[in-house]
Amino acid sequence: MEKKRQEFKQMDQKEAPTNCWVSDHQELHPESYRINSPAETRLVTLAENFQLQYSRQYPDRRPLLLCPLNECGVRKFVSTTIRPTPTGRCGLQTWQGCAALVADLLMLEPLDPPTELPSELFSPTSVLRRQTGTCFDFATLLCSLLLGISYDAFCVSGYADRQVCLLDRSQERCPLLDT
């Protein structure tokens, strides 16, 4: 796994902050991260209106993750975070290679509390630079990679047991013992 991390670091030689909240170097992120276009502003307004109607219609349901803050503190509609991301790397031309990259490269930051939606959703670029993220960051990155190699990919959210959420495989039988 450490070898994969080193190979990935060589792919992106740019020095950039891990996130705008900590670094105060927002100018190093593209302008599209720092401000919304008029169309994006309209989209966020429509999504917030939909969220309001949804919560009134279904008061017992949890809110939807529609417009979280990005790494620069800008409210973005979630589907604008997911972009086809072509890789050009041999090992990332299959779903298995993309899944292995996400699984092997990134460190999980569990949601706190685990039953709530995150208030932030970082771009795939920032997730790769930070090499850490929540399950939502992982899903967004994987979906973007899969779209980049022409898979029909999308993200959904739901619930899973504690072992799945924390990547706890301690109760599983070791596959090496079966050989």
Protein backbone atom coordinates (compact mmCIF):
# COMPACT_ATOMS: atom_id res chain seq x y z
CA MET A 1 0.00 0.00 0.00
CA GLU A 2 2.85 2.41 0.75
CA LYS A 3 4.20 1.81 -2.75
CA LYS A 4 0.82 2.84 -4.22
CA ARG A 5 0.86 6.01 -2.11
CA GLN A 6 4.33 6.91 -3.41
CA GLU A 7 3.29 6.25 -7.02
CA PHE A 8 0.25 8.44 -6.59
CA LYS A 9 2.24 11.28 -5.06
CA GLN A 10 4.45 11.23 -8.16
CA MET A 11 1.36 11.63 -10.37
CA ASP A 12 0.54 15.06 -8.94
CA GLN A 13 3.61 17.18 -8.29
CA LYS A 14 1.65 20.42 -7.66
CA GLU A 15 1.83 21.77 -4.16
CA ALA A 16 -1.63 22.81 -3.06
CA PRO A 17 -3.35 23.17 0.26
CA THR A 18 -5.27 20.21 1.58
CA ASN A 19 -8.31 22.36 2.21
CA CYS A 20 -9.19 26.03 2.27
CA TRP A 21 -10.46 25.94 5.84
CA VAL A 22 -7.03 25.19 7.25
CA SER A 23 -4.66 26.70 4.76
CA ASP A 24 -6.27 30.06 3.95
CA HIS A 25 -4.86 29.64 0.41
CA GLN A 26 -8.12 29.69 -1.48
CA GLU A 27 -6.41 31.35 -4.43
CA LEU A 28 -4.60 28.05 -5.12
CA HIS A 29 -7.93 26.35 -5.83
CA PRO A 30 -9.67 26.95 -9.15
CA GLU A 31 -12.11 29.84 -9.21
CA SER A 32 -14.97 27.38 -9.69
CA TYR A 33 -14.23 26.03 -6.17
CA ARG A 34 -14.32 29.50 -4.62
CA ILE A 35 -17.42 31.01 -6.23
CA ASN A 36 -20.63 29.80 -7.80
CA SER A 37 -21.53 30.74 -11.34
CA PRO A 38 -25.01 32.29 -11.84
CA ALA A 39 -26.27 28.89 -13.02
CA GLU A 40 -24.83 27.18 -9.92
CA THR A 41 -26.36 29.84 -7.66
CA ARG A 42 -29.75 29.19 -9.26
CA LEU A 43 -29.25 25.43 -8.87
CA VAL A 44 -28.41 25.80 -5.16
CA THR A 45 -31.51 27.95 -4.68
CA LEU A 46 -33.70 25.36 -6.41
CA ALA A 47 -32.15 22.53 -4.36
CA GLU A 48 -32.70 24.41 -1.10
CA ASN A 49 -36.33 25.03 -2.11
CA PHE A 50 -36.73 21.33 -2.87
CA GLN A 51 -35.18 20.44 0.51
CA LEU A 52 -37.69 22.72 2.24
CA GLN A 53 -40.63 21.13 0.41
CA TYR A 54 -39.26 17.64 1.08
CA SER A 55 -38.90 18.27 4.81
CA ARG A 56 -42.45 19.63 4.98
CA GLN A 57 -43.88 16.72 3.00
CA TYR A 58 -41.88 14.08 4.92
CA PRO A 59 -41.16 15.51 8.38
CA ASP A 60 -40.09 12.13 9.82
CA ARG A 61 -37.41 11.50 7.19
CA ARG A 62 -33.83 12.63 7.44
CA PRO A 63 -32.78 15.55 5.22
CA LEU A 64 -31.16 14.90 1.87
CA LEU A 65 -27.52 15.73 1.11
CA LEU A 66 -28.07 18.28 -1.65
CA CYS A 67 -25.84 21.32 -1.07
CA PRO A 68 -22.96 20.69 1.33
CA LEU A 69 -20.04 23.07 1.70
CA ASN A 70 -16.97 22.32 -0.41
CA GLU A 71 -13.36 22.64 0.75
CA CYS A 72 -13.50 26.42 0.23
CA GLY A 73 -16.65 26.88 2.29
CA VAL A 74 -18.88 27.39 -0.76
CA ARG A 75 -22.26 25.68 -0.90
CA LYS A 76 -22.29 23.49 -4.03
CA PHE A 77 -25.01 21.23 -5.41
CA VAL A 78 -23.76 17.70 -4.84
CA SER A 79 -23.95 16.58 -8.47
CA THR A 80 -21.55 19.37 -9.52
CA THR A 81 -18.91 17.69 -7.34
CA ILE A 82 -19.12 14.48 -9.36
CA ARG A 83 -17.30 14.90 -12.65
CA PRO A 84 -15.96 12.32 -15.11
CA THR A 85 -12.30 12.05 -14.19
CA PRO A 86 -10.16 10.40 -16.87
CA THR A 87 -7.03 8.94 -15.35
CA GLY A 88 -4.79 7.92 -18.22
CA ARG A 89 -3.15 5.37 -15.89
CA CYS A 90 -3.08 1.74 -16.99
CA GLY A 91 -4.23 0.34 -13.66
CA LEU A 92 -7.19 2.70 -13.55
CA GLN A 93 -8.93 1.63 -16.75
CA THR A 94 -11.17 -0.93 -15.02
CA TRP A 95 -13.62 -0.72 -12.15
CA GLN A 96 -11.35 -3.04 -10.15
CA GLY A 97 -8.38 -0.70 -10.56
CA CYS A 98 -10.42 2.35 -9.57
CA ALA A 99 -11.88 0.57 -6.54
CA ALA A 100 -8.41 -0.63 -5.50
CA LEU A 101 -7.05 2.92 -5.70
CA VAL A 102 -9.78 4.27 -3.44
CA ALA A 103 -9.53 1.33 -1.03
CA ASP A 104 -5.74 1.23 -0.82
CA LEU A 105 -4.83 4.91 -1.05
CA LEU A 106 -7.31 6.65 1.21
CA MET A 107 -7.67 6.66 4.96
CA LEU A 108 -11.24 6.72 6.30
CA GLU A 109 -12.43 9.56 8.53
CA PRO A 110 -15.58 8.17 10.16
CA LEU A 111 -18.57 10.47 10.22
CA ASP A 112 -19.20 12.01 13.62
CA PRO A 113 -21.93 11.24 14.51
CA PRO A 114 -22.11 8.25 12.15
CA THR A 115 -25.86 8.60 11.53
CA GLU A 116 -25.71 12.20 10.27
CA LEU A 117 -24.88 13.50 6.82
CA PRO A 118 -21.62 15.40 6.44
CA SER A 119 -21.79 19.19 6.26
CA GLU A 120 -18.84 19.21 3.82
CA LEU A 121 -18.14 17.30 0.63
CA PHE A 122 -14.71 17.81 -0.89
CA SER A 123 -13.86 17.56 -4.57
CA PRO A 124 -12.21 14.38 -5.84
CA THR A 125 -9.03 16.38 -6.46
CA SER A 126 -8.83 17.50 -2.84
CA VAL A 127 -9.65 14.00 -1.57
CA LEU A 128 -6.78 12.59 -3.62
CA ARG A 129 -4.39 15.27 -2.38
CA ARG A 130 -5.40 14.79 1.25
CA GLN A 131 -5.57 10.98 0.88
CA THR A 132 -8.24 10.95 3.56
CA GLY A 133 -11.98 11.47 3.60
CA THR A 134 -15.40 10.34 4.74
CA CYS A 135 -17.39 7.57 3.12
CA PHE A 136 -19.14 10.27 1.06
CA ASP A 137 -15.78 11.57 -0.18
CA PHE A 138 -14.79 8.00 -1.11
CA ALA A 139 -18.05 7.47 -3.01
CA THR A 140 -17.74 10.77 -4.88
CA LEU A 141 -14.16 10.02 -5.90
CA LEU A 142 -14.94 6.46 -7.01
CA CYS A 143 -18.00 7.61 -8.95
CA SER A 144 -15.95 10.32 -10.71
CA LEU A 145 -13.23 7.81 -11.64
CA LEU A 146 -15.80 5.32 -12.95
CA LEU A 147 -17.56 7.99 -15.00
CA GLY A 148 -14.13 8.91 -16.42
CA ILE A 149 -13.77 5.39 -17.85
CA SER A 150 -17.32 5.38 -19.23
CA TYR A 151 -19.14 3.44 -16.53
CA ASP A 152 -22.68 4.46 -15.68
CA ALA A 153 -21.98 5.29 -12.03
CA PHE A 154 -23.92 7.14 -9.34
CA CYS A 155 -23.91 7.58 -5.56
CA VAL A 156 -26.61 6.80 -3.05
CA SER A 157 -26.62 7.09 0.72
CA GLY A 158 -28.13 4.85 3.33
CA TYR A 159 -27.26 2.97 6.48
CA ALA A 160 -24.85 0.16 7.25
CA ASP A 161 -23.82 -1.61 10.41
CA ARG A 162 -20.92 -0.40 12.54
CA GLN A 163 -18.44 -2.92 11.11
CA VAL A 164 -19.01 -1.71 7.56
CA CYS A 165 -18.88 1.98 8.51
CA LEU A 166 -15.60 1.59 10.41
CA LEU A 167 -13.98 -0.87 7.97
CA ASP A 168 -13.81 -3.38 10.83
CA ARG A 169 -13.02 -6.79 9.38
CA SER A 170 -11.93 -8.35 12.67
CA GLN A 171 -14.91 -10.74 12.74
CA GLU A 172 -14.29 -12.05 9.22
CA ARG A 173 -12.34 -15.19 8.56
CA CYS A 174 -8.92 -14.49 7.08
CA PRO A 175 -8.91 -15.69 3.44
CA LEU A 176 -5.23 -16.65 3.77
CA LEU A 177 -6.20 -19.35 6.26
CA ASP A 178 -8.34 -21.07 3.61
CA THR A 179 -5.42 -21.71 1.25
